[in-house]
C-alpha atoms as a PDB file:
ATOM      1  CA  MET A   1      46.506   6.527 -22.899  1.00  0.00           C
ATOM      2  CA  ASP A   2      48.721   6.638 -20.327  1.00  0.00           C
ATOM      3  CA  ARG A   3      47.051   7.496 -16.965  1.00  0.00           C
ATOM      4  CA  LYS A   4      43.673   7.853 -16.687  1.00  0.00           C
ATOM      5  CA  VAL A   5      41.490  10.786 -17.271  1.00  0.00           C
ATOM      6  CA  THR A   6      38.136  12.024 -16.387  1.00  0.00           C
ATOM      7  CA  VAL A   7      36.643  13.849 -19.446  1.00  0.00           C
ATOM      8  CA  SER A   8      33.139  15.187 -18.357  1.00  0.00           C
ATOM      9  CA  ASP A   9      29.903  14.760 -20.984  1.00  0.00           C
ATOM     10  CA  ALA A  10      30.704  18.225 -21.846  1.00  0.00           C
ATOM     11  CA  GLU A  11      34.230  18.222 -22.636  1.00  0.00           C
ATOM     12  CA  LEU A  12      33.410  14.590 -24.781  1.00  0.00           C
ATOM     13  CA  GLU A  13      31.398  16.717 -26.817  1.00  0.00           C
ATOM     14  CA  ILE A  14      34.276  19.431 -27.659  1.00  0.00           C
ATOM     15  CA  LEU A  15      36.366  15.661 -28.440  1.00  0.00           C
ATOM     16  CA  GLU A  16      34.032  14.388 -30.532  1.00  0.00           C
ATOM     17  CA  VAL A  17      34.054  17.476 -32.470  1.00  0.00           C
ATOM     18  CA  LEU A  18      37.948  17.870 -32.802  1.00  0.00           C
ATOM     19  CA  TRP A  19      37.927  13.666 -33.555  1.00  0.00           C
ATOM     20  CA  SER A  20      35.251  13.874 -36.843  1.00  0.00           C
ATOM     21  CA  SER A  21      37.173  16.799 -37.993  1.00  0.00           C
ATOM     22  CA  ASP A  22      40.358  16.014 -40.695  1.00  0.00           C
ATOM     23  CA  LYS A  23      41.980  19.054 -39.255  1.00  0.00           C
ATOM     24  CA  ALA A  24      42.334  21.205 -36.334  1.00  0.00           C
ATOM     25  CA  LEU A  25      40.114  23.739 -35.117  1.00  0.00           C
ATOM     26  CA  ASN A  26      39.595  26.821 -33.989  1.00  0.00           C
ATOM     27  CA  ALA A  27      37.635  27.794 -30.405  1.00  0.00           C
ATOM     28  CA  GLY A  28      34.985  29.446 -33.086  1.00  0.00           C
ATOM     29  CA  GLU A  29      34.976  26.495 -35.517  1.00  0.00           C
ATOM     30  CA  ILE A  30      34.361  23.979 -32.858  1.00  0.00           C
ATOM     31  CA  ARG A  31      31.559  26.002 -31.271  1.00  0.00           C
ATOM     32  CA  ASN A  32      29.701  26.652 -34.779  1.00  0.00           C
ATOM     33  CA  LEU A  33      29.983  23.002 -35.544  1.00  0.00           C
ATOM     34  CA  LEU A  34      28.313  22.609 -31.872  1.00  0.00           C
ATOM     35  CA  ASN A  35      25.132  24.836 -32.497  1.00  0.00           C
ATOM     36  CA  ALA A  36      23.881  21.968 -34.491  1.00  0.00           C
ATOM     37  CA  SER A  37      22.844  20.186 -31.010  1.00  0.00           C
ATOM     38  CA  LYS A  38      24.149  22.890 -28.282  1.00  0.00           C
ATOM     39  CA  ASN A  39      23.154  26.136 -27.837  1.00  0.00           C
ATOM     40  CA  TRP A  40      26.851  27.330 -26.292  1.00  0.00           C
ATOM     41  CA  GLU A  41      28.152  30.478 -25.193  1.00  0.00           C
ATOM     42  CA  ARG A  42      31.707  31.085 -26.154  1.00  0.00           C
ATOM     43  CA  THR A  43      32.923  31.320 -23.333  1.00  0.00           C
ATOM     44  CA  THR A  44      31.535  27.925 -22.651  1.00  0.00           C
ATOM     45  CA  VAL A  45      33.450  26.451 -25.891  1.00  0.00           C
ATOM     46  CA  LEU A  46      36.337  28.306 -24.036  1.00  0.00           C
ATOM     47  CA  THR A  47      36.029  26.693 -20.514  1.00  0.00           C
ATOM     48  CA  LEU A  48      35.438  23.557 -21.982  1.00  0.00           C
ATOM     49  CA  ILE A  49      38.702  23.450 -23.705  1.00  0.00           C
ATOM     50  CA  GLN A  50      40.823  25.163 -21.116  1.00  0.00           C
ATOM     51  CA  ARG A  51      40.274  21.986 -18.898  1.00  0.00           C
ATOM     52  CA  LEU A  52      41.140  19.546 -21.949  1.00  0.00           C
ATOM     53  CA  LEU A  53      44.170  21.375 -22.169  1.00  0.00           C
ATOM     54  CA  LYS A  54      45.016  21.195 -18.689  1.00  0.00           C
ATOM     55  CA  LYS A  55      44.311  17.084 -18.672  1.00  0.00           C
ATOM     56  CA  GLY A  56      46.254  16.825 -21.834  1.00  0.00           C
ATOM     57  CA  VAL A  57      43.792  15.289 -23.824  1.00  0.00           C
ATOM     58  CA  ILE A  58      43.894  18.154 -26.670  1.00  0.00           C
ATOM     59  CA  SER A  59      47.007  20.335 -27.928  1.00  0.00           C
ATOM     60  CA  GLN A  60      47.088  23.967 -29.103  1.00  0.00           C
ATOM     61  CA  GLU A  61      49.344  25.525 -32.252  1.00  0.00           C
ATOM     62  CA  LYS A  62      49.262  29.243 -32.397  1.00  0.00           C
ATOM     63  CA  ARG A  63      48.614  30.900 -35.694  1.00  0.00           C
ATOM     64  CA  GLU A  64      46.337  33.884 -35.816  1.00  0.00           C
ATOM     65  CA  VAL A  65      44.526  32.418 -33.514  1.00  0.00           C
ATOM     66  CA  TYR A  66      45.032  28.832 -31.305  1.00  0.00           C
ATOM     67  CA  TYR A  67      43.839  25.437 -33.290  1.00  0.00           C
ATOM     68  CA  TYR A  68      43.076  22.299 -31.437  1.00  0.00           C
ATOM     69  CA  LEU A  69      44.193  18.464 -32.333  1.00  0.00           C
ATOM     70  CA  PRO A  70      42.728  15.397 -30.023  1.00  0.00           C
ATOM     71  CA  CYS A  71      45.691  14.142 -28.580  1.00  0.00           C
ATOM     72  CA  ILE A  72      44.371  10.849 -27.801  1.00  0.00           C
ATOM     73  CA  ARG A  73      42.549   8.365 -30.737  1.00  0.00           C
ATOM     74  CA  ARG A  74      38.983   7.671 -30.029  1.00  0.00           C
ATOM     75  CA  GLU A  75      39.221   3.929 -30.348  1.00  0.00           C
ATOM     76  CA  GLU A  76      41.922   4.516 -27.875  1.00  0.00           C
ATOM     77  CA  TYR A  77      39.080   6.915 -25.456  1.00  0.00           C
ATOM     78  CA  VAL A  78      36.448   4.170 -25.574  1.00  0.00           C
ATOM     79  CA  LYS A  79      38.818   1.531 -25.247  1.00  0.00           C
ATOM     80  CA  GLU A  80      39.857   3.171 -21.881  1.00  0.00           C
ATOM     81  CA  GLU A  81      36.785   3.978 -20.618  1.00  0.00           C
ATOM     82  CA  THR A  82      35.030   0.640 -21.506  1.00  0.00           C
ATOM     83  CA  LYS A  83      37.885  -1.001 -19.239  1.00  0.00           C
ATOM     84  CA  ASN A  84      37.379   1.848 -16.313  1.00  0.00           C
ATOM     85  CA  PHE A  85      33.499   0.685 -16.825  1.00  0.00           C
ATOM     86  CA  VAL A  86      34.005  -2.745 -16.382  1.00  0.00           C
ATOM     87  CA  ASP A  87      36.752  -2.418 -13.704  1.00  0.00           C
ATOM     88  CA  LYS A  88      34.424   0.103 -11.616  1.00  0.00           C
ATOM     89  CA  PHE A  89      30.930  -1.904 -12.331  1.00  0.00           C
ATOM     90  CA  PHE A  90      31.686  -5.554 -12.870  1.00  0.00           C
ATOM     91  CA  ARG A  91      34.618  -6.237 -11.192  1.00  0.00           C
ATOM     92  CA  GLY A  92      36.898  -5.903 -14.362  1.00  0.00           C
ATOM     93  CA  SER A  93      34.968  -9.214 -15.463  1.00  0.00           C
ATOM     94  CA  SER A  94      33.556  -8.684 -19.065  1.00  0.00           C
ATOM     95  CA  ARG A  95      31.489 -11.762 -18.408  1.00  0.00           C
ATOM     96  CA  ASN A  96      29.747 -10.006 -16.068  1.00  0.00           C
ATOM     97  CA  LEU A  97      28.696  -7.187 -18.017  1.00  0.00           C
ATOM     98  CA  ALA A  98      27.850  -9.035 -20.627  1.00  0.00           C
ATOM     99  CA  ALA A  99      25.232 -11.447 -18.022  1.00  0.00           C
ATOM    100  CA  ALA A 100      23.838  -7.996 -16.585  1.00  0.00           C
ATOM    101  CA  LEU A 101      22.994  -6.938 -20.172  1.00  0.00           C
ATOM    102  CA  VAL A 102      21.234 -10.189 -20.891  1.00  0.00           C
ATOM    103  CA  ASN A 103      19.477 -10.383 -17.017  1.00  0.00           C
ATOM    104  CA  SER A 104      18.436  -6.824 -18.319  1.00  0.00           C
ATOM    105  CA  GLU A 105      16.834  -7.778 -21.662  1.00  0.00           C
ATOM    106  CA  ALA A 106      19.024  -4.688 -23.135  1.00  0.00           C
ATOM    107  CA  LEU A 107      20.186  -7.354 -25.619  1.00  0.00           C
ATOM    108  CA  THR A 108      17.498  -8.721 -28.457  1.00  0.00           C
ATOM    109  CA  LYS A 109      18.090 -11.981 -29.500  1.00  0.00           C
ATOM    110  CA  GLU A 110      18.996 -10.937 -32.598  1.00  0.00           C
ATOM    111  CA  ASP A 111      21.825  -8.709 -30.646  1.00  0.00           C
ATOM    112  CA  ILE A 112      22.769 -11.894 -28.666  1.00  0.00           C
ATOM    113  CA  GLU A 113      23.055 -14.085 -31.982  1.00  0.00           C
ATOM    114  CA  GLU A 114      24.784 -11.214 -33.677  1.00  0.00           C
ATOM    115  CA  LEU A 115      27.542 -11.338 -30.717  1.00  0.00           C
ATOM    116  CA  ARG A 116      27.733 -15.162 -31.333  1.00  0.00           C
ATOM    117  CA  ASP A 117      29.341 -14.937 -34.634  1.00  0.00           C
ATOM    118  CA  TYR A 118      31.344 -11.842 -33.987  1.00  0.00           C
ATOM    119  CA  PHE A 119      33.227 -13.737 -31.166  1.00  0.00           C
ATOM    120  CA  ASN A 120      33.065 -17.291 -33.323  1.00  0.00           C
ATOM    121  CA  ARG A 121      34.891 -15.158 -36.034  1.00  0.00           C
ATOM    122  CA  ASN A 122      37.302 -12.978 -33.802  1.00  0.00           C
ATOM    123  CA  CYS A 123      38.258 -14.891 -30.754  1.00  0.00           C
ATOM    124  CA  ARG A 124      39.757 -18.175 -32.146  1.00  0.00           C
END
């Protein structure tokens, strides 16, 4: 992402649906896929789509109706949000994040061992 874009939790729900699809979706299709977990009105979905369009996070294509595609990959978004989180709460230090996780007992011993193995395999 070239610029910092803030996406609300509700907007992220729309993005998750688009990321999980292998094709462009229209608003009705997005709403139908969300109905498994959300009971949003049509106007709510349309409002969230408009916000995402304005932010440049999704694009639209006019066919018989508008179809929407994400402009960023999920991996790219997660990477940027992770960086923003570490910058905001841990002054840019991943080490401080890891220490906070260990100190909060959020990581089990098994989690720590898995992370150690991951770092040993991938950070040489």
